[in-house]
Amino acid sequence: MRYSYFLGLLLLLSPTDNFARETSRIESPAFTTVLELSAGFDLLYRQRFAEAREVFTSWESRNPEQPFGQVAIAASYLFEELSHQGVLTSDFFLNEKRFLHGIEGGPDRQRMSHFRDALARACDLARERQKTNPKDGEALLALTLAAGMESDAESILQKRHLAGLKSMKKANGYANELLAQHPDAADAYIATGIANYIIGSQSGGTRFALWFGGIHGDKKLGMEQVARTVENGRYLRPFAKIILALAARREKQEALAQKLFRELSEQYPDNKQFASEYAKAMSQPSAD
């Protein structure tokens, strides 16, 4: 009876809204799969970009302190532009000039303006969280993905390669800091993986010059890191599959590319790009 009395008193003294807030804090985007966000990313991979943004914006409006909401909104604009420019295709990845030097022409200005606004808000929210806890996992994941997206935009879309490499180095630093504390934050591995693969793909002279600036790369390690997101990623697993499959085609690992594109085309049958890339991969001789 005494135990029941104290339990009842404890519940009365613990407001239910505080309990809900604590539960929400535990189920964070960085360390648990938020179904609403996952559904939004699925829309991205189905190339329904406006619908995905509606989902992300709705979630962000109810979780304004979480930087991941703005990260997701920024990702929707970047992914749309990359798709529009044909970046996430073998035609781009297997063309050495385009892969190393970026798109022809320039990106959509309005889309990129929205992308940068969301990215800036995500970084502001992340740094605000770091004032309380410099090692905050939500902040570090947001900063990792923001710097990684910034690097993609700078180097691929706007062809500001030095700025892109600097952002890539920042993303790598944030990711390593996050993963040292939270190795289960598997979405962060794609940032280190892309950095390693792209830098490792540069010419020997370029890699040597970058080495003096503290920027290092390793193609094999990069693919292994992207594969970790493929295995355990929460929101970026399909994106990691795209990157790993295209890298596999560059490296003549056709069996791996075929497997990944087959999985993507089966998971997202309404995305014709995946079916097209699977067909292209299947036309190549298998690497046995």
Protein backbone atom coordinates (compact mmCIF):
# COMPACT_ATOMS: atom_id res chain seq x y z
CA MET A 1 0.00 0.00 0.00
CA ARG A 2 2.81 2.39 0.90
CA TYR A 3 4.50 1.63 -2.48
CA SER A 4 1.25 2.30 -4.35
CA TYR A 5 0.80 5.58 -2.46
CA PHE A 6 4.26 6.85 -3.35
CA LEU A 7 3.89 5.71 -6.96
CA GLY A 8 0.62 7.60 -7.24
CA LEU A 9 2.16 10.69 -5.67
CA LEU A 10 5.09 10.52 -8.09
CA LEU A 11 2.73 10.37 -11.07
CA LEU A 12 0.74 13.33 -9.77
CA LEU A 13 3.92 15.37 -9.38
CA SER A 14 5.12 14.47 -12.92
CA PRO A 15 3.16 16.49 -15.51
CA THR A 16 2.20 14.42 -18.52
CA ASP A 17 3.40 17.05 -20.96
CA ASN A 18 6.90 16.87 -19.45
CA PHE A 19 6.80 13.09 -19.79
CA ALA A 20 5.79 13.39 -23.44
CA ARG A 21 8.56 15.91 -24.02
CA GLU A 22 11.15 13.56 -22.52
CA THR A 23 9.86 10.68 -24.64
CA SER A 24 10.08 12.83 -27.75
CA ARG A 25 13.63 13.81 -26.85
CA ILE A 26 14.67 10.18 -26.47
CA GLU A 27 13.16 9.22 -29.83
CA SER A 28 15.38 11.61 -31.73
CA PRO A 29 15.97 11.57 -35.51
CA ALA A 30 19.68 10.86 -35.05
CA PHE A 31 19.25 7.69 -33.01
CA THR A 32 15.76 6.37 -33.74
CA THR A 33 13.76 6.08 -36.93
CA VAL A 34 11.00 8.70 -36.98
CA LEU A 35 8.35 7.16 -39.22
CA GLU A 36 7.11 10.50 -40.56
CA LEU A 37 10.61 11.52 -41.64
CA SER A 38 11.25 8.09 -43.10
CA ALA A 39 8.07 8.43 -45.18
CA GLY A 40 9.27 11.83 -46.38
CA PHE A 41 12.59 10.42 -47.54
CA ASP A 42 10.77 7.59 -49.32
CA LEU A 43 8.92 10.27 -51.28
CA LEU A 44 12.28 11.81 -52.21
CA TYR A 45 13.52 8.48 -53.59
CA ARG A 46 10.30 8.25 -55.59
CA GLN A 47 11.14 11.73 -56.98
CA ARG A 48 8.01 13.30 -55.44
CA PHE A 49 9.98 16.25 -54.12
CA ALA A 50 7.18 18.72 -53.33
CA GLU A 51 5.26 16.08 -51.37
CA ALA A 52 8.40 15.16 -49.44
CA ARG A 53 8.93 18.81 -48.52
CA GLU A 54 5.38 19.05 -47.22
CA VAL A 55 6.08 16.11 -44.89
CA PHE A 56 9.38 17.58 -43.70
CA THR A 57 7.90 21.05 -43.20
CA SER A 58 5.00 19.65 -41.21
CA TRP A 59 7.34 17.68 -38.93
CA GLU A 60 9.70 20.65 -38.55
CA SER A 61 6.84 22.97 -37.53
CA ARG A 62 6.06 20.62 -34.63
CA ASN A 63 9.73 20.10 -33.72
CA PRO A 64 11.25 23.56 -34.25
CA GLU A 65 14.17 22.91 -31.87
CA GLN A 66 15.38 19.92 -33.92
CA PRO A 67 17.91 20.81 -36.64
CA PHE A 68 17.14 17.61 -38.56
CA GLY A 69 13.87 19.06 -39.84
CA GLN A 70 15.72 21.82 -41.70
CA VAL A 71 18.37 19.30 -42.82
CA ALA A 72 15.61 17.21 -44.42
CA ILE A 73 14.09 20.27 -46.13
CA ALA A 74 17.52 21.23 -47.50
CA ALA A 75 18.06 17.65 -48.68
CA SER A 76 14.79 17.77 -50.61
CA TYR A 77 15.97 20.77 -52.62
CA LEU A 78 19.46 19.38 -53.21
CA PHE A 79 18.21 15.94 -54.20
CA GLU A 80 15.74 17.53 -56.61
CA GLU A 81 18.50 19.59 -58.24
CA LEU A 82 20.89 16.62 -58.45
CA SER A 83 18.13 14.58 -60.09
CA HIS A 84 17.24 17.42 -62.46
CA GLN A 85 20.89 17.73 -63.52
CA GLY A 86 21.31 13.96 -64.01
CA VAL A 87 24.07 13.77 -61.41
CA LEU A 88 22.86 10.54 -59.82
CA THR A 89 23.28 8.52 -63.01
CA SER A 90 25.98 6.44 -64.63
CA ASP A 91 26.09 8.95 -67.50
CA PHE A 92 27.48 11.47 -64.99
CA PHE A 93 29.58 9.15 -62.80
CA LEU A 94 31.27 7.37 -65.73
CA ASN A 95 32.14 10.64 -67.46
CA GLU A 96 35.47 11.53 -65.84
CA LYS A 97 35.30 15.20 -66.77
CA ARG A 98 31.81 15.69 -65.35
CA PHE A 99 32.47 13.55 -62.28
CA LEU A 100 35.58 15.52 -61.29
CA HIS A 101 34.55 18.98 -62.52
CA GLY A 102 30.78 19.21 -62.13
CA ILE A 103 27.68 19.82 -64.21
CA GLU A 104 27.47 21.69 -67.47
CA GLY A 105 25.85 25.08 -66.98
CA GLY A 106 24.50 26.13 -63.58
CA PRO A 107 21.85 25.03 -61.09
CA ASP A 108 18.37 26.49 -60.63
CA ARG A 109 18.84 29.72 -58.66
CA GLN A 110 15.54 29.65 -56.79
CA ARG A 111 15.96 26.02 -55.77
CA MET A 112 19.48 26.67 -54.53
CA SER A 113 18.34 29.76 -52.61
CA HIS A 114 15.77 27.66 -50.74
CA PHE A 115 18.42 25.00 -50.16
CA ARG A 116 20.86 27.46 -48.63
CA ASP A 117 18.20 29.07 -46.43
CA ALA A 118 17.25 25.69 -44.95
CA LEU A 119 20.90 24.74 -44.56
CA ALA A 120 21.67 27.97 -42.67
CA ARG A 121 18.72 27.45 -40.32
CA ALA A 122 19.81 23.85 -39.65
CA CYS A 123 23.34 24.98 -38.75
CA ASP A 124 22.01 27.77 -36.51
CA LEU A 125 19.82 25.30 -34.61
CA ALA A 126 22.68 22.82 -34.30
CA ARG A 127 25.08 25.41 -32.92
CA GLU A 128 22.41 26.59 -30.48
CA ARG A 129 22.18 23.05 -29.12
CA GLN A 130 25.97 22.90 -28.85
CA LYS A 131 25.94 25.87 -26.48
CA THR A 132 24.38 23.53 -23.92
CA ASN A 133 26.24 20.39 -25.00
CA PRO A 134 29.13 20.67 -27.50
CA LYS A 135 28.90 16.91 -28.15
CA ASP A 136 25.13 16.88 -28.75
CA GLY A 137 24.47 14.02 -31.18
CA GLU A 138 21.57 15.71 -32.93
CA ALA A 139 23.71 18.78 -33.55
CA LEU A 140 26.69 16.79 -34.82
CA LEU A 141 24.59 14.75 -37.24
CA ALA A 142 22.94 17.90 -38.57
CA LEU A 143 26.31 19.62 -39.02
CA THR A 144 27.75 16.50 -40.69
CA LEU A 145 24.95 16.25 -43.23
CA ALA A 146 24.79 20.02 -43.76
CA ALA A 147 28.52 20.24 -44.53
CA GLY A 148 28.27 17.18 -46.77
CA MET A 149 25.40 18.70 -48.76
CA GLU A 150 27.23 22.02 -48.92
CA SER A 151 30.22 20.20 -50.37
CA ASP A 152 28.06 18.53 -53.05
CA ALA A 153 26.46 21.83 -53.99
CA GLU A 154 29.77 23.71 -54.14
CA SER A 155 31.78 21.14 -56.08
CA ILE A 156 29.20 19.48 -58.36
CA LEU A 157 26.59 22.17 -59.00
CA GLN A 158 28.51 25.43 -58.65
CA LYS A 159 31.97 24.13 -59.55
CA ARG A 160 33.70 25.91 -56.68
CA HIS A 161 35.97 22.97 -56.04
CA LEU A 162 38.23 24.41 -53.34
CA ALA A 163 35.21 25.53 -51.32
CA GLY A 164 33.69 22.10 -51.87
CA LEU A 165 36.79 20.37 -50.56
CA LYS A 166 36.83 22.59 -47.47
CA SER A 167 33.20 21.71 -46.75
CA MET A 168 34.03 18.07 -47.35
CA LYS A 169 36.80 18.27 -44.76
CA LYS A 170 34.37 19.87 -42.26
CA ALA A 171 31.80 17.13 -42.88
CA ASN A 172 34.45 14.50 -42.32
CA GLY A 173 35.48 16.13 -39.03
CA TYR A 174 31.92 16.36 -37.70
CA ALA A 175 31.20 12.77 -38.76
CA ASN A 176 34.30 11.40 -37.06
CA GLU A 177 33.42 13.29 -33.87
CA LEU A 178 29.86 11.96 -33.93
CA LEU A 179 30.78 8.38 -34.79
CA ALA A 180 33.43 8.24 -32.06
CA GLN A 181 30.60 8.70 -29.54
CA HIS A 182 27.69 7.15 -31.43
CA PRO A 183 28.85 4.51 -33.93
CA ASP A 184 25.19 3.59 -34.50
CA ALA A 185 24.51 6.95 -36.21
CA ALA A 186 25.05 5.15 -39.51
CA ASP A 187 23.74 7.93 -41.77
CA ALA A 188 26.91 9.88 -40.95
CA TYR A 189 29.14 7.31 -42.66
CA ILE A 190 27.97 8.49 -46.07
CA ALA A 191 29.64 11.87 -45.48
CA THR A 192 33.03 10.31 -44.73
CA GLY A 193 32.53 7.76 -47.51
CA ILE A 194 31.77 10.27 -50.25
CA ALA A 195 34.67 12.44 -49.10
CA ASN A 196 37.12 9.55 -49.21
CA TYR A 197 35.87 8.29 -52.56
CA ILE A 198 35.87 11.64 -54.38
CA ILE A 199 39.24 12.74 -53.03
CA GLY A 200 40.66 9.30 -53.72
CA SER A 201 39.45 9.58 -57.32
CA GLN A 202 41.54 12.70 -58.00
CA SER A 203 44.78 12.47 -59.96
CA GLY A 204 47.97 11.63 -58.08
CA GLY A 205 49.23 15.21 -58.32
CA THR A 206 45.97 16.65 -57.00
CA ARG A 207 45.86 14.15 -54.11
CA PHE A 208 49.47 15.04 -53.24
CA ALA A 209 48.62 18.76 -53.16
CA LEU A 210 45.51 18.12 -51.05
CA TRP A 211 47.55 16.00 -48.64
CA PHE A 212 49.55 19.12 -47.69
CA GLY A 213 46.28 20.85 -46.87
CA GLY A 214 45.28 18.04 -44.56
CA ILE A 215 42.72 16.60 -46.99
CA HIS A 216 43.08 12.86 -47.53
CA GLY A 217 41.12 10.32 -49.52
CA ASP A 218 40.93 6.59 -50.14
CA LYS A 219 38.49 5.16 -52.71
CA LYS A 220 38.32 1.68 -51.17
CA LEU A 221 37.75 3.04 -47.67
CA GLY A 222 35.15 5.44 -49.06
CA MET A 223 33.12 2.62 -50.59
CA GLU A 224 33.36 0.64 -47.35
CA GLN A 225 32.04 3.62 -45.39
CA VAL A 226 29.15 4.22 -47.79
CA ALA A 227 28.37 0.49 -47.45
CA ARG A 228 27.91 0.99 -43.71
CA THR A 229 25.10 3.45 -44.43
CA VAL A 230 23.69 0.93 -46.91
CA GLU A 231 23.66 -1.67 -44.16
CA ASN A 232 22.35 0.36 -41.21
CA GLY A 233 21.25 3.82 -42.36
CA ARG A 234 17.93 5.20 -41.17
CA TYR A 235 17.01 7.80 -43.78
CA LEU A 236 19.91 7.80 -46.24
CA ARG A 237 20.16 4.07 -46.90
CA PRO A 238 18.66 4.27 -50.44
CA PHE A 239 20.80 7.32 -51.23
CA ALA A 240 23.86 5.38 -50.07
CA LYS A 241 22.82 2.51 -52.35
CA ILE A 242 22.71 4.92 -55.31
CA ILE A 243 26.19 6.28 -54.53
CA LEU A 244 27.69 2.84 -53.88
CA ALA A 245 26.16 1.39 -57.05
CA LEU A 246 27.50 4.23 -59.19
CA ALA A 247 30.93 3.99 -57.55
CA ALA A 248 30.84 0.23 -58.19
CA ARG A 249 30.25 0.89 -61.89
CA ARG A 250 33.24 3.23 -61.95
CA GLU A 251 35.36 0.54 -60.32
CA LYS A 252 34.12 -2.22 -62.69
CA GLN A 253 32.35 -4.02 -59.83
CA GLU A 254 29.34 -4.77 -62.00
CA ALA A 255 27.86 -7.53 -59.83
CA LEU A 256 27.58 -5.13 -56.87
CA ALA A 257 26.09 -2.38 -59.05
CA GLN A 258 23.53 -4.81 -60.50
CA LYS A 259 22.50 -6.02 -57.04
CA LEU A 260 22.02 -2.51 -55.65
CA PHE A 261 20.15 -1.12 -58.65
CA ARG A 262 17.91 -4.20 -58.73
CA GLU A 263 17.04 -3.63 -55.06
CA LEU A 264 16.34 0.06 -55.68
CA SER A 265 14.16 -0.61 -58.73
CA GLU A 266 12.17 -3.22 -56.78
CA GLN A 267 11.74 -0.94 -53.75
CA TYR A 268 10.79 2.11 -55.86
CA PRO A 269 9.15 0.78 -59.04
CA ASP A 270 7.70 4.22 -59.89
CA ASN A 271 11.21 5.74 -60.11
CA LYS A 272 12.11 5.00 -63.73
CA GLN A 273 15.69 6.15 -63.18
CA PHE A 274 16.46 3.13 -61.01
CA ALA A 275 15.06 0.74 -63.62
CA SER A 276 17.11 2.51 -66.30
CA GLU A 277 20.32 2.27 -64.26
CA TYR A 278 19.67 -1.40 -63.54
CA ALA A 279 19.26 -2.06 -67.27
CA LYS A 280 22.50 -0.23 -68.02
CA ALA A 281 24.37 -2.20 -65.35
CA MET A 282 23.00 -5.50 -66.66
CA SER A 283 24.25 -4.75 -70.18
CA GLN A 284 27.83 -4.82 -68.91
CA PRO A 285 29.78 -8.05 -68.47
CA SER A 286 29.59 -9.39 -64.92
CA ALA A 287 32.77 -8.94 -62.86
CA ASP A 288 33.37 -12.51 -61.69
